[in-house]
Each structure stands twice: as C-alpha cells, then as structure tokens.
Amino acid sequence: MKRWGIPLLLSLVFHAAVLSLFWNERCTASPPPPVMRARLVLLPQAAPDRPRTEERTREPASNLRPVRPLQPLSTPAQRPGKTAPAAPLENAQSSGKAVQETAMEGLPAGSAEPASFPSGEPPASVPEAREPDILARTKPLYPLSSRKKGESGTVVLLVRLDSKGRVLEISVRSTSGYPALDQSALRAVRSWKFRPEAPGLLLVPVVFTLE
C-alpha cells in the first residue's frame, strides 16, 4: 500500500497543476464583458396641431352694401348763463356805496304805481335830498330776477316828512321802467330817518346799476 501512495499523490498534484494552468489560460483568453453605458437623448417635441379654421365663404362684391361715411354730429353751443354781479346802489349825492347783495324775487307788475298825496300834486320845484339830511338808511335790495334779466335804471321817489324826520308818505315820481326795481326802492326808503330840519318834501333818487 505504501508503494502506491506516493505515485498516487504525485498524480493528483500533476492533475491539479494541469487544471490550474488550463483554467488560467481560459480566463485570460476570454475578453472582458462590454461596459454598458446609458445616455439620455431628448427627442424634439412635436408641434401641437393647429385648430382648423373654417374658411368663410366670401360673398361676391355685388352683394355687399356700400359703406356710407359717418357724418359728424352737430351739437348746438350752449349759451352761458348771465350772472351779473350785484350792482352798487348810489344816492344822488352819495356815489360809490354798493347795494347789499341779497336775492329778492321780482314783484308783480303794476304794484309800483305812484301814490297820490292827499294834498294834491306836489310843487314842481322840490329839492333833492342831500347826504347830511339822511340820518339812517336801509340799502335797497337788487332783485335777483332783475339781475338775471339785466334790468337797471334810476327811481326818483317823492318823500313827505313829519316834524321829526320820519317818512309820512312816499311815491314814485319817476319810474325806472321796471316794477321790481321801483318796489325795492320804495320799501327801503320808507324806513329811512331824516333830520328834523330837512325840508318836509324831498326827492330821493335811487340808482340800480349792473357792473
């Protein structure tokens, strides 16, 4: 048995060496496996489909109506309203004093008729009132309706006084031509106060002027 042991061991070693050599050659001869590489490629986006527009059938030129040019609209110009400032009220001897700017509606026509004195017609030579003769006065109002209409003029009033300078009787000696102005002057002068030494019969002019 010992006689076959050594040859058997050598045979095993030989076969192992041959197998090892064969295996190494095979591994060396086989090419390495290829390397797999991935690359991302972006494909171009397809253009969206455009909606199909329906073709409109054109009408022949003979069926079309001619276009008429538009004519410009004419707007009448509005006339600006007249806003006349309050006119100054002047006495015959006291020019430069303004009339109080208070609106007053016009009075009905025919109300400014001159009153008749019970003593009859006044004398023709009646003096005009002077500035020193007047102690207290109320400024006549310029009626709003007269200002809007552009009415102006001078009212001459005939005034009869008592012994204390108070107005007893008053009437229109010369009208302005506008009843509203005459009445405004009558109402104002009726409340005036004169000097006791003033003549018993006076003419008081009242001027209405638009500036």
N, C-alpha and C. Protein backbone atom coordinates (compact mmCIF):
# COMPACT_ATOMS: atom_id res chain seq x y z
N MET A 1 0.82 -1.20 0.00
CA MET A 1 0.00 0.00 0.00
C MET A 1 0.85 1.26 0.00
N LYS A 2 1.88 1.24 0.76
CA LYS A 2 2.80 2.37 0.80
C LYS A 2 3.46 2.56 -0.54
N ARG A 3 3.59 1.42 -1.26
CA ARG A 3 4.27 1.52 -2.55
C ARG A 3 3.42 2.30 -3.50
N TRP A 4 2.07 2.31 -3.45
CA TRP A 4 1.20 3.04 -4.39
C TRP A 4 0.83 4.41 -3.86
N GLY A 5 1.13 4.73 -2.70
CA GLY A 5 0.72 6.03 -2.16
C GLY A 5 1.46 7.19 -2.77
N ILE A 6 2.70 7.08 -2.96
CA ILE A 6 3.49 8.20 -3.49
C ILE A 6 3.13 8.47 -4.94
N PRO A 7 3.04 7.42 -5.80
CA PRO A 7 2.66 7.72 -7.18
C PRO A 7 1.28 8.34 -7.28
N LEU A 8 0.37 7.93 -6.42
CA LEU A 8 -0.98 8.49 -6.46
C LEU A 8 -0.98 9.97 -6.07
N LEU A 9 -0.18 10.29 -5.09
CA LEU A 9 -0.09 11.68 -4.66
C LEU A 9 0.51 12.54 -5.75
N LEU A 10 1.52 12.04 -6.41
CA LEU A 10 2.14 12.80 -7.49
C LEU A 10 1.16 12.99 -8.63
N SER A 11 0.34 11.95 -8.89
CA SER A 11 -0.62 12.05 -9.98
C SER A 11 -1.66 13.14 -9.68
N LEU A 12 -2.08 13.20 -8.43
CA LEU A 12 -3.07 14.23 -8.04
C LEU A 12 -2.49 15.64 -8.17
N VAL A 13 -1.22 15.75 -7.75
CA VAL A 13 -0.58 17.08 -7.86
C VAL A 13 -0.46 17.48 -9.32
N PHE A 14 -0.10 16.52 -10.18
CA PHE A 14 0.07 16.83 -11.60
C PHE A 14 -1.26 17.28 -12.21
N HIS A 15 -2.30 16.51 -11.89
CA HIS A 15 -3.60 16.88 -12.45
C HIS A 15 -4.08 18.25 -11.95
N ALA A 16 -3.78 18.51 -10.70
CA ALA A 16 -4.19 19.83 -10.15
C ALA A 16 -3.46 20.97 -10.84
N ALA A 17 -2.16 20.74 -11.15
CA ALA A 17 -1.39 21.78 -11.83
C ALA A 17 -1.91 21.99 -13.22
N VAL A 18 -2.24 20.85 -13.92
CA VAL A 18 -2.75 20.98 -15.30
C VAL A 18 -4.08 21.72 -15.30
N LEU A 19 -4.94 21.38 -14.37
CA LEU A 19 -6.24 22.07 -14.31
C LEU A 19 -6.09 23.55 -14.00
N SER A 20 -5.15 23.80 -13.13
CA SER A 20 -4.94 25.22 -12.77
C SER A 20 -4.41 26.01 -13.95
N LEU A 21 -3.48 25.42 -14.72
CA LEU A 21 -2.93 26.10 -15.89
C LEU A 21 -4.02 26.31 -16.95
N PHE A 22 -4.85 25.28 -17.14
CA PHE A 22 -5.90 25.38 -18.14
C PHE A 22 -6.94 26.45 -17.77
N TRP A 23 -7.21 26.48 -16.53
CA TRP A 23 -8.21 27.48 -16.07
C TRP A 23 -7.69 28.91 -16.22
N ASN A 24 -6.40 29.13 -15.92
CA ASN A 24 -5.82 30.49 -16.06
C ASN A 24 -5.81 30.93 -17.51
N GLU A 25 -5.45 29.98 -18.43
CA GLU A 25 -5.42 30.35 -19.85
C GLU A 25 -6.81 30.70 -20.35
N ARG A 26 -7.77 29.95 -19.87
CA ARG A 26 -9.14 30.21 -20.32
C ARG A 26 -9.64 31.58 -19.82
N CYS A 27 -9.29 31.85 -18.58
CA CYS A 27 -9.71 33.17 -18.05
C CYS A 27 -9.01 34.31 -18.75
N THR A 28 -7.74 34.11 -19.14
CA THR A 28 -7.01 35.18 -19.82
C THR A 28 -7.51 35.37 -21.24
N ALA A 29 -7.85 34.28 -21.92
CA ALA A 29 -8.26 34.37 -23.32
C ALA A 29 -9.64 34.97 -23.49
N SER A 30 -10.51 34.81 -22.48
CA SER A 30 -11.88 35.33 -22.65
C SER A 30 -11.88 36.86 -22.53
N PRO A 31 -12.47 37.54 -23.48
CA PRO A 31 -12.48 39.03 -23.45
C PRO A 31 -13.35 39.54 -22.31
N PRO A 32 -13.01 40.70 -21.82
CA PRO A 32 -13.82 41.26 -20.72
C PRO A 32 -15.21 41.62 -21.23
N PRO A 33 -16.16 41.53 -20.38
CA PRO A 33 -17.54 41.85 -20.81
C PRO A 33 -17.65 43.34 -21.15
N PRO A 34 -18.41 43.68 -22.14
CA PRO A 34 -18.55 45.10 -22.54
C PRO A 34 -19.23 45.91 -21.45
N VAL A 35 -18.81 47.18 -21.33
CA VAL A 35 -19.39 48.10 -20.33
C VAL A 35 -20.64 48.73 -20.94
N MET A 36 -21.72 48.63 -20.25
CA MET A 36 -22.98 49.19 -20.72
C MET A 36 -23.10 50.64 -20.24
N ARG A 37 -23.20 51.55 -21.14
CA ARG A 37 -23.37 52.98 -20.82
C ARG A 37 -24.72 53.46 -21.37
N ALA A 38 -25.42 54.18 -20.55
CA ALA A 38 -26.74 54.71 -20.95
C ALA A 38 -26.64 56.22 -21.15
N ARG A 39 -27.19 56.74 -22.21
CA ARG A 39 -27.20 58.19 -22.50
C ARG A 39 -28.63 58.61 -22.81
N LEU A 40 -29.03 59.64 -22.13
CA LEU A 40 -30.40 60.14 -22.29
C LEU A 40 -30.43 61.13 -23.44
N VAL A 41 -31.29 60.87 -24.39
CA VAL A 41 -31.43 61.72 -25.56
C VAL A 41 -32.86 62.28 -25.57
N LEU A 42 -32.97 63.63 -25.58
CA LEU A 42 -34.28 64.28 -25.61
C LEU A 42 -34.76 64.40 -27.04
N LEU A 43 -35.90 63.84 -27.29
CA LEU A 43 -36.48 63.93 -28.62
C LEU A 43 -37.21 65.27 -28.77
N PRO A 44 -37.16 65.90 -29.91
CA PRO A 44 -37.89 67.17 -30.11
C PRO A 44 -39.39 66.97 -30.01
N GLN A 45 -40.03 67.93 -29.27
CA GLN A 45 -41.48 67.83 -29.10
C GLN A 45 -42.19 68.14 -30.42
N ALA A 46 -43.16 67.36 -30.63
CA ALA A 46 -43.93 67.58 -31.86
C ALA A 46 -44.79 68.82 -31.71
N ALA A 47 -44.85 69.64 -32.73
CA ALA A 47 -45.64 70.88 -32.70
C ALA A 47 -47.11 70.54 -32.56
N PRO A 48 -47.83 71.29 -31.66
CA PRO A 48 -49.27 70.98 -31.48
C PRO A 48 -50.05 71.25 -32.76
N ASP A 49 -50.99 70.44 -32.91
CA ASP A 49 -51.82 70.60 -34.11
C ASP A 49 -52.63 71.88 -34.01
N ARG A 50 -52.55 72.73 -35.00
CA ARG A 50 -53.31 73.97 -35.02
C ARG A 50 -54.77 73.66 -35.35
N PRO A 51 -55.66 74.36 -34.62
CA PRO A 51 -57.08 74.10 -34.94
C PRO A 51 -57.40 74.57 -36.34
N ARG A 52 -58.15 73.78 -36.93
CA ARG A 52 -58.52 74.11 -38.30
C ARG A 52 -59.59 75.20 -38.28
N THR A 53 -59.27 76.26 -38.93
CA THR A 53 -60.22 77.37 -39.02
C THR A 53 -61.07 77.20 -40.26
N GLU A 54 -62.33 77.34 -40.00
CA GLU A 54 -63.23 77.18 -41.13
C GLU A 54 -63.12 78.37 -42.05
N GLU A 55 -62.97 78.07 -43.24
CA GLU A 55 -62.86 79.14 -44.24
C GLU A 55 -64.25 79.70 -44.50
N ARG A 56 -64.30 81.01 -44.34
CA ARG A 56 -65.57 81.67 -44.59
C ARG A 56 -65.72 81.94 -46.08
N THR A 57 -66.86 81.65 -46.50
CA THR A 57 -67.13 81.91 -47.92
C THR A 57 -67.39 83.38 -48.11
N ARG A 58 -66.65 83.96 -48.96
CA ARG A 58 -66.79 85.38 -49.24
C ARG A 58 -67.94 85.59 -50.21
N GLU A 59 -68.70 86.64 -49.84
CA GLU A 59 -69.80 86.97 -50.72
C GLU A 59 -69.28 87.75 -51.91
N PRO A 60 -69.90 87.63 -53.00
CA PRO A 60 -69.45 88.41 -54.16
C PRO A 60 -69.60 89.89 -53.90
N ALA A 61 -68.77 90.66 -54.58
CA ALA A 61 -68.75 92.10 -54.36
C ALA A 61 -70.08 92.74 -54.71
N SER A 62 -70.86 92.10 -55.57
CA SER A 62 -72.14 92.69 -55.96
C SER A 62 -73.16 92.65 -54.84
N ASN A 63 -73.00 91.67 -53.87
CA ASN A 63 -73.96 91.55 -52.77
C ASN A 63 -73.61 92.43 -51.59
N LEU A 64 -72.42 92.99 -51.57
CA LEU A 64 -72.01 93.82 -50.44
C LEU A 64 -72.63 95.20 -50.56
N ARG A 65 -73.07 95.72 -49.42
CA ARG A 65 -73.65 97.05 -49.39
C ARG A 65 -72.55 98.10 -49.28
N PRO A 66 -72.67 99.18 -50.00
CA PRO A 66 -71.63 100.22 -49.89
C PRO A 66 -71.65 100.86 -48.51
N VAL A 67 -70.46 101.14 -48.00
CA VAL A 67 -70.31 101.75 -46.68
C VAL A 67 -70.46 103.25 -46.80
N ARG A 68 -71.39 103.79 -46.05
CA ARG A 68 -71.59 105.24 -46.08
C ARG A 68 -70.76 105.91 -44.99
N PRO A 69 -70.06 106.97 -45.31
CA PRO A 69 -69.26 107.66 -44.28
C PRO A 69 -70.15 108.29 -43.24
N LEU A 70 -69.69 108.22 -41.98
CA LEU A 70 -70.46 108.80 -40.89
C LEU A 70 -70.34 110.31 -40.92
N GLN A 71 -71.46 110.98 -40.73
CA GLN A 71 -71.45 112.43 -40.70
C GLN A 71 -71.29 112.90 -39.26
N PRO A 72 -70.47 113.91 -39.02
CA PRO A 72 -70.26 114.39 -37.64
C PRO A 72 -71.54 114.97 -37.08
N LEU A 73 -71.77 114.69 -35.79
CA LEU A 73 -72.94 115.22 -35.12
C LEU A 73 -72.69 116.67 -34.75
N SER A 74 -73.66 117.49 -35.02
CA SER A 74 -73.54 118.91 -34.68
C SER A 74 -74.28 119.17 -33.38
N THR A 75 -73.57 119.65 -32.37
CA THR A 75 -74.14 119.97 -31.08
C THR A 75 -74.27 121.47 -30.96
N PRO A 76 -75.47 121.97 -30.73
CA PRO A 76 -75.59 123.43 -30.59
C PRO A 76 -74.86 123.91 -29.37
N ALA A 77 -74.18 125.00 -29.54
CA ALA A 77 -73.44 125.58 -28.42
C ALA A 77 -74.40 126.15 -27.41
N GLN A 78 -74.12 125.85 -26.16
CA GLN A 78 -74.96 126.37 -25.10
C GLN A 78 -74.49 127.75 -24.71
N ARG A 79 -75.47 128.59 -24.62
CA ARG A 79 -75.13 129.95 -24.22
C ARG A 79 -74.92 130.01 -22.72
N PRO A 80 -73.80 130.55 -22.30
CA PRO A 80 -73.57 130.64 -20.86
C PRO A 80 -74.58 131.57 -20.21
N GLY A 81 -75.04 131.15 -19.05
CA GLY A 81 -76.00 131.99 -18.35
C GLY A 81 -75.36 133.27 -17.84
N LYS A 82 -76.14 134.29 -17.90
CA LYS A 82 -75.63 135.59 -17.45
C LYS A 82 -75.72 135.66 -15.93
N THR A 83 -74.57 135.83 -15.33
CA THR A 83 -74.51 136.00 -13.89
C THR A 83 -73.94 137.38 -13.62
N ALA A 84 -74.81 138.30 -13.49
CA ALA A 84 -74.37 139.68 -13.28
C ALA A 84 -74.09 139.90 -11.81
N PRO A 85 -72.98 140.53 -11.47
CA PRO A 85 -72.70 140.82 -10.07
C PRO A 85 -73.69 141.83 -9.52
N ALA A 86 -73.74 141.86 -8.21
CA ALA A 86 -74.64 142.80 -7.57
C ALA A 86 -74.18 144.22 -7.87
N ALA A 87 -75.11 145.03 -8.32
CA ALA A 87 -74.76 146.39 -8.72
C ALA A 87 -74.77 147.30 -7.51
N PRO A 88 -73.90 148.28 -7.49
CA PRO A 88 -73.90 149.23 -6.38
C PRO A 88 -75.11 150.14 -6.46
N LEU A 89 -75.66 150.46 -5.33
CA LEU A 89 -76.79 151.39 -5.25
C LEU A 89 -76.25 152.74 -4.82
N GLU A 90 -76.51 153.75 -5.62
CA GLU A 90 -75.96 155.08 -5.36
C GLU A 90 -77.09 156.05 -5.10
N ASN A 91 -76.87 156.91 -4.17
CA ASN A 91 -77.75 158.04 -3.96
C ASN A 91 -77.33 159.14 -4.89
N ALA A 92 -78.10 160.14 -5.05
CA ALA A 92 -77.72 161.24 -5.94
C ALA A 92 -76.47 161.92 -5.45
N GLN A 93 -76.29 162.01 -4.11
CA GLN A 93 -75.13 162.72 -3.59
C GLN A 93 -74.17 161.77 -2.91
N SER A 94 -74.45 160.46 -2.92
CA SER A 94 -73.58 159.51 -2.21
C SER A 94 -73.19 158.40 -3.16
N SER A 95 -72.46 158.74 -4.20
CA SER A 95 -72.00 157.76 -5.17
C SER A 95 -70.88 156.94 -4.57
N GLY A 96 -70.78 155.70 -5.00
CA GLY A 96 -69.68 154.84 -4.56
C GLY A 96 -70.10 153.83 -3.51
N LYS A 97 -71.34 153.90 -3.01
CA LYS A 97 -71.79 152.94 -1.99
C LYS A 97 -72.50 151.79 -2.69
N ALA A 98 -72.10 150.56 -2.36
CA ALA A 98 -72.65 149.38 -3.07
C ALA A 98 -73.98 148.98 -2.48
N VAL A 99 -74.79 148.38 -3.36
CA VAL A 99 -76.09 147.86 -2.92
C VAL A 99 -75.87 146.53 -2.23
N GLN A 100 -76.61 146.26 -1.22
CA GLN A 100 -76.48 144.99 -0.50
C GLN A 100 -76.83 143.83 -1.42
N GLU A 101 -75.94 142.80 -1.45
CA GLU A 101 -76.10 141.69 -2.39
C GLU A 101 -76.99 140.62 -1.77
N THR A 102 -78.28 140.84 -1.84
CA THR A 102 -79.25 139.88 -1.33
C THR A 102 -80.28 139.62 -2.40
N ALA A 103 -80.56 138.33 -2.66
CA ALA A 103 -81.51 137.99 -3.73
C ALA A 103 -82.92 138.29 -3.29
N MET A 104 -83.70 138.81 -4.25
CA MET A 104 -85.10 139.11 -3.99
C MET A 104 -85.86 138.91 -5.28
N GLU A 105 -86.95 138.17 -5.20
CA GLU A 105 -87.74 137.90 -6.39
C GLU A 105 -88.50 139.15 -6.80
N GLY A 106 -88.73 139.27 -8.11
CA GLY A 106 -89.43 140.45 -8.62
C GLY A 106 -90.89 140.46 -8.21
N LEU A 107 -91.41 141.65 -8.03
CA LEU A 107 -92.79 141.83 -7.62
C LEU A 107 -93.68 141.92 -8.87
N PRO A 108 -94.96 141.64 -8.74
CA PRO A 108 -95.84 141.69 -9.92
C PRO A 108 -95.94 143.08 -10.48
N ALA A 109 -96.11 143.12 -11.82
CA ALA A 109 -96.19 144.42 -12.48
C ALA A 109 -97.44 145.16 -12.05
N GLY A 110 -97.34 146.48 -12.05
CA GLY A 110 -98.46 147.31 -11.68
C GLY A 110 -98.50 147.68 -10.22
N SER A 111 -97.60 147.06 -9.38
CA SER A 111 -97.60 147.36 -7.96
C SER A 111 -96.78 148.58 -7.63
N ALA A 112 -96.09 149.16 -8.61
CA ALA A 112 -95.23 150.30 -8.35
C ALA A 112 -95.83 151.59 -8.88
N GLU A 113 -97.13 151.66 -8.94
CA GLU A 113 -97.76 152.89 -9.42
C GLU A 113 -97.60 153.99 -8.37
N PRO A 114 -97.30 155.20 -8.77
CA PRO A 114 -97.07 156.27 -7.80
C PRO A 114 -98.33 156.55 -6.99
N ALA A 115 -98.09 156.74 -5.69
CA ALA A 115 -99.21 157.06 -4.80
C ALA A 115 -99.53 158.54 -4.90
N SER A 116 -100.76 158.83 -4.68
CA SER A 116 -101.20 160.23 -4.77
C SER A 116 -101.24 160.86 -3.38
N PHE A 117 -100.69 162.06 -3.25
CA PHE A 117 -100.70 162.76 -1.99
C PHE A 117 -102.10 163.33 -1.73
N PRO A 118 -102.53 163.25 -0.51
CA PRO A 118 -103.87 163.80 -0.23
C PRO A 118 -103.93 165.30 -0.43
N SER A 119 -102.78 165.97 -0.36
CA SER A 119 -102.77 167.42 -0.51
C SER A 119 -102.74 167.86 -1.96
N GLY A 120 -102.82 166.88 -2.91
CA GLY A 120 -102.81 167.22 -4.32
C GLY A 120 -101.44 167.05 -4.93
N GLU A 121 -101.22 167.59 -6.12
CA GLU A 121 -99.96 167.47 -6.83
C GLU A 121 -98.87 168.25 -6.09
N PRO A 122 -97.66 167.62 -5.95
CA PRO A 122 -96.57 168.34 -5.30
C PRO A 122 -96.07 169.46 -6.19
N PRO A 123 -95.46 170.46 -5.61
CA PRO A 123 -94.92 171.55 -6.43
C PRO A 123 -93.83 171.05 -7.34
N ALA A 124 -93.62 171.78 -8.44
CA ALA A 124 -92.62 171.37 -9.43
C ALA A 124 -91.21 171.51 -8.89
N SER A 125 -90.95 172.50 -8.10
CA SER A 125 -89.60 172.74 -7.57
C SER A 125 -89.47 172.09 -6.19
N VAL A 126 -89.17 170.80 -6.21
CA VAL A 126 -88.95 170.05 -4.97
C VAL A 126 -87.46 169.76 -4.87
N PRO A 127 -86.82 170.12 -3.75
CA PRO A 127 -85.38 169.88 -3.63
C PRO A 127 -85.07 168.39 -3.49
N GLU A 128 -83.87 168.03 -3.92
CA GLU A 128 -83.40 166.66 -3.74
C GLU A 128 -82.77 166.51 -2.36
N ALA A 129 -82.89 165.33 -1.83
CA ALA A 129 -82.32 165.05 -0.52
C ALA A 129 -80.80 165.08 -0.60
N ARG A 130 -80.19 165.71 0.41
CA ARG A 130 -78.74 165.76 0.47
C ARG A 130 -78.24 164.71 1.46
N GLU A 131 -76.95 164.46 1.37
CA GLU A 131 -76.35 163.47 2.26
C GLU A 131 -76.51 163.85 3.73
N PRO A 132 -76.31 165.10 4.12
CA PRO A 132 -76.49 165.43 5.54
C PRO A 132 -77.93 165.32 6.02
N ASP A 133 -78.90 165.33 5.11
CA ASP A 133 -80.30 165.24 5.53
C ASP A 133 -80.68 163.84 6.00
N ILE A 134 -79.89 162.84 5.64
CA ILE A 134 -80.25 161.44 5.95
C ILE A 134 -79.48 161.01 7.20
N LEU A 135 -80.21 160.63 8.23
CA LEU A 135 -79.59 160.14 9.47
C LEU A 135 -79.43 158.62 9.47
N ALA A 136 -80.39 157.89 9.01
CA ALA A 136 -80.34 156.42 8.98
C ALA A 136 -81.01 155.95 7.70
N ARG A 137 -80.39 154.94 7.10
CA ARG A 137 -80.92 154.44 5.84
C ARG A 137 -80.79 152.92 5.76
N THR A 138 -81.62 152.33 4.94
CA THR A 138 -81.57 150.90 4.63
C THR A 138 -81.28 150.76 3.14
N LYS A 139 -80.24 150.01 2.83
CA LYS A 139 -79.86 149.86 1.42
C LYS A 139 -80.90 149.03 0.67
N PRO A 140 -81.37 149.54 -0.44
CA PRO A 140 -82.33 148.75 -1.23
C PRO A 140 -81.70 147.45 -1.74
N LEU A 141 -82.51 146.44 -1.88
CA LEU A 141 -82.05 145.15 -2.39
C LEU A 141 -82.19 145.12 -3.91
N TYR A 142 -81.17 144.59 -4.55
CA TYR A 142 -81.24 144.43 -6.01
C TYR A 142 -81.94 143.10 -6.29
N PRO A 143 -83.15 143.12 -6.83
CA PRO A 143 -83.88 141.86 -7.03
C PRO A 143 -83.09 140.88 -7.91
N LEU A 144 -83.14 139.63 -7.50
CA LEU A 144 -82.40 138.60 -8.24
C LEU A 144 -82.93 138.45 -9.66
N SER A 145 -84.26 138.52 -9.80
CA SER A 145 -84.83 138.39 -11.15
C SER A 145 -84.40 139.55 -12.04
N SER A 146 -84.27 140.75 -11.47
CA SER A 146 -83.83 141.90 -12.27
C SER A 146 -82.37 141.75 -12.68
N ARG A 147 -81.54 141.20 -11.80
CA ARG A 147 -80.13 141.00 -12.14
C ARG A 147 -79.99 139.96 -13.25
N LYS A 148 -80.80 138.90 -13.18
CA LYS A 148 -80.72 137.88 -14.23
C LYS A 148 -81.17 138.42 -15.58
N LYS A 149 -82.16 139.32 -15.55
CA LYS A 149 -82.68 139.89 -16.79
C LYS A 149 -81.87 141.09 -17.27
N GLY A 150 -80.92 141.54 -16.44
CA GLY A 150 -80.12 142.70 -16.83
C GLY A 150 -80.87 144.02 -16.69
N GLU A 151 -81.83 144.08 -15.78
CA GLU A 151 -82.61 145.31 -15.59
C GLU A 151 -81.84 146.30 -14.72
N SER A 152 -81.81 147.53 -15.12
CA SER A 152 -81.16 148.60 -14.36
C SER A 152 -81.87 149.91 -14.67
N GLY A 153 -81.68 150.88 -13.80
CA GLY A 153 -82.32 152.18 -14.01
C GLY A 153 -82.31 153.01 -12.74
N THR A 154 -82.90 154.19 -12.81
CA THR A 154 -82.95 155.13 -11.69
C THR A 154 -84.40 155.40 -11.32
N VAL A 155 -84.68 155.25 -10.04
CA VAL A 155 -86.01 155.52 -9.50
C VAL A 155 -85.94 156.83 -8.71
N VAL A 156 -86.82 157.77 -8.99
CA VAL A 156 -86.89 159.02 -8.24
C VAL A 156 -88.16 158.98 -7.39
N LEU A 157 -87.96 159.03 -6.06
CA LEU A 157 -89.07 158.93 -5.12
C LEU A 157 -89.40 160.31 -4.55
N LEU A 158 -90.66 160.55 -4.35
CA LEU A 158 -91.14 161.78 -3.70
C LEU A 158 -91.53 161.43 -2.27
N VAL A 159 -90.85 162.05 -1.30
CA VAL A 159 -91.00 161.70 0.10
C VAL A 159 -91.53 162.91 0.87
N ARG A 160 -92.55 162.67 1.72
CA ARG A 160 -93.06 163.71 2.61
C ARG A 160 -92.71 163.32 4.05
N LEU A 161 -92.12 164.26 4.80
CA LEU A 161 -91.63 164.01 6.15
C LEU A 161 -92.50 164.73 7.17
N ASP A 162 -92.47 164.18 8.41
CA ASP A 162 -93.12 164.87 9.52
C ASP A 162 -92.10 165.77 10.23
N SER A 163 -92.51 166.34 11.34
CA SER A 163 -91.63 167.28 12.04
C SER A 163 -90.43 166.60 12.68
N LYS A 164 -90.48 165.26 12.85
CA LYS A 164 -89.36 164.54 13.45
C LYS A 164 -88.48 163.87 12.40
N GLY A 165 -88.73 164.07 11.12
CA GLY A 165 -87.91 163.49 10.06
C GLY A 165 -88.32 162.10 9.64
N ARG A 166 -89.48 161.67 10.08
CA ARG A 166 -89.95 160.35 9.67
C ARG A 166 -90.77 160.45 8.39
N VAL A 167 -90.77 159.36 7.61
CA VAL A 167 -91.47 159.34 6.33
C VAL A 167 -92.96 159.16 6.57
N LEU A 168 -93.73 160.12 6.11
CA LEU A 168 -95.18 160.03 6.20
C LEU A 168 -95.79 159.43 4.93
N GLU A 169 -95.35 159.94 3.80
CA GLU A 169 -95.89 159.48 2.52
C GLU A 169 -94.73 159.33 1.54
N ILE A 170 -94.85 158.39 0.64
CA ILE A 170 -93.80 158.14 -0.35
C ILE A 170 -94.47 157.64 -1.63
N SER A 171 -93.96 158.07 -2.76
CA SER A 171 -94.49 157.65 -4.06
C SER A 171 -93.38 157.71 -5.10
N VAL A 172 -93.63 157.11 -6.25
CA VAL A 172 -92.66 157.11 -7.35
C VAL A 172 -92.91 158.35 -8.20
N ARG A 173 -91.94 159.24 -8.22
CA ARG A 173 -92.05 160.44 -9.06
C ARG A 173 -91.62 160.13 -10.49
N SER A 174 -90.55 159.33 -10.63
CA SER A 174 -90.03 158.92 -11.94
C SER A 174 -89.65 157.45 -11.87
N THR A 175 -90.29 156.62 -12.66
CA THR A 175 -90.06 155.18 -12.60
C THR A 175 -88.80 154.79 -13.35
N SER A 176 -88.23 153.66 -12.96
CA SER A 176 -87.06 153.10 -13.64
C SER A 176 -87.45 152.32 -14.88
N GLY A 177 -88.73 152.04 -15.01
CA GLY A 177 -89.20 151.22 -16.11
C GLY A 177 -89.39 149.77 -15.74
N TYR A 178 -89.00 149.39 -14.50
CA TYR A 178 -89.12 148.01 -14.03
C TYR A 178 -89.81 148.03 -12.67
N PRO A 179 -90.98 147.43 -12.55
CA PRO A 179 -91.70 147.45 -11.27
C PRO A 179 -90.91 146.87 -10.11
N ALA A 180 -90.11 145.84 -10.37
CA ALA A 180 -89.36 145.22 -9.27
C ALA A 180 -88.36 146.20 -8.68
N LEU A 181 -87.69 146.99 -9.52
CA LEU A 181 -86.74 147.98 -9.01
C LEU A 181 -87.47 149.10 -8.27
N ASP A 182 -88.61 149.54 -8.79
CA ASP A 182 -89.36 150.61 -8.13
C ASP A 182 -89.82 150.18 -6.74
N GLN A 183 -90.32 148.94 -6.64
CA GLN A 183 -90.80 148.46 -5.35
C GLN A 183 -89.66 148.29 -4.35
N SER A 184 -88.51 147.83 -4.82
CA SER A 184 -87.37 147.69 -3.93
C SER A 184 -86.94 149.04 -3.36
N ALA A 185 -86.96 150.08 -4.18
CA ALA A 185 -86.61 151.42 -3.70
C ALA A 185 -87.65 151.94 -2.72
N LEU A 186 -88.94 151.72 -2.99
CA LEU A 186 -89.99 152.18 -2.09
C LEU A 186 -89.87 151.53 -0.72
N ARG A 187 -89.62 150.23 -0.69
CA ARG A 187 -89.54 149.53 0.58
C ARG A 187 -88.36 150.00 1.42
N ALA A 188 -87.25 150.29 0.76
CA ALA A 188 -86.06 150.70 1.51
C ALA A 188 -86.20 152.13 2.04
N VAL A 189 -86.59 153.07 1.19
CA VAL A 189 -86.63 154.49 1.60
C VAL A 189 -87.76 154.74 2.59
N ARG A 190 -88.77 153.92 2.61
CA ARG A 190 -89.88 154.12 3.55
C ARG A 190 -89.40 154.02 5.00
N SER A 191 -88.33 153.28 5.23
CA SER A 191 -87.81 153.11 6.60
C SER A 191 -86.67 154.07 6.93
N TRP A 192 -86.36 155.01 6.05
CA TRP A 192 -85.25 155.94 6.31
C TRP A 192 -85.66 156.96 7.38
N LYS A 193 -84.61 157.52 7.98
CA LYS A 193 -84.78 158.56 9.00
C LYS A 193 -84.03 159.81 8.55
N PHE A 194 -84.73 160.95 8.50
CA PHE A 194 -84.14 162.21 8.06
C PHE A 194 -84.02 163.16 9.26
N ARG A 195 -83.24 164.21 9.05
CA ARG A 195 -83.10 165.23 10.08
C ARG A 195 -84.42 166.00 10.25
N PRO A 196 -84.73 166.38 11.45
CA PRO A 196 -85.95 167.19 11.62
C PRO A 196 -85.88 168.52 10.89
N GLU A 197 -84.66 169.03 10.67
CA GLU A 197 -84.52 170.31 9.99
C GLU A 197 -84.63 170.19 8.47
N ALA A 198 -84.72 168.98 7.95
CA ALA A 198 -84.78 168.79 6.50
C ALA A 198 -86.12 169.29 5.97
N PRO A 199 -86.18 169.67 4.69
CA PRO A 199 -87.46 170.11 4.10
C PRO A 199 -88.51 169.02 4.23
N GLY A 200 -89.74 169.41 4.33
CA GLY A 200 -90.83 168.45 4.51
C GLY A 200 -91.14 167.66 3.26
N LEU A 201 -90.65 168.11 2.11
CA LEU A 201 -90.90 167.40 0.85
C LEU A 201 -89.58 167.29 0.09
N LEU A 202 -89.18 166.05 -0.21
CA LEU A 202 -87.87 165.82 -0.83
C LEU A 202 -88.02 164.82 -1.98
N LEU A 203 -87.06 164.93 -2.90
CA LEU A 203 -86.89 163.94 -3.97
C LEU A 203 -85.68 163.07 -3.64
N VAL A 204 -85.87 161.78 -3.67
CA VAL A 204 -84.79 160.83 -3.34
C VAL A 204 -84.55 159.95 -4.56
N PRO A 205 -83.44 160.16 -5.31
CA PRO A 205 -83.11 159.28 -6.43
C PRO A 205 -82.41 158.01 -5.93
N VAL A 206 -82.79 156.88 -6.48
CA VAL A 206 -82.16 155.59 -6.17
C VAL A 206 -81.72 154.97 -7.49
N VAL A 207 -80.43 154.66 -7.58
CA VAL A 207 -79.84 154.17 -8.84
C VAL A 207 -79.55 152.67 -8.72
N PHE A 208 -80.01 151.90 -9.68
CA PHE A 208 -79.70 150.47 -9.79
C PHE A 208 -78.83 150.29 -11.03
N THR A 209 -77.60 149.83 -10.82
CA THR A 209 -76.64 149.70 -11.93
C THR A 209 -76.00 148.32 -11.88
N LEU A 210 -75.93 147.67 -13.03
CA LEU A 210 -75.23 146.39 -13.17
C LEU A 210 -73.83 146.66 -13.66
N GLU A 211 -72.83 146.11 -12.97
CA GLU A 211 -71.43 146.31 -13.38
C GLU A 211 -70.83 144.98 -13.79
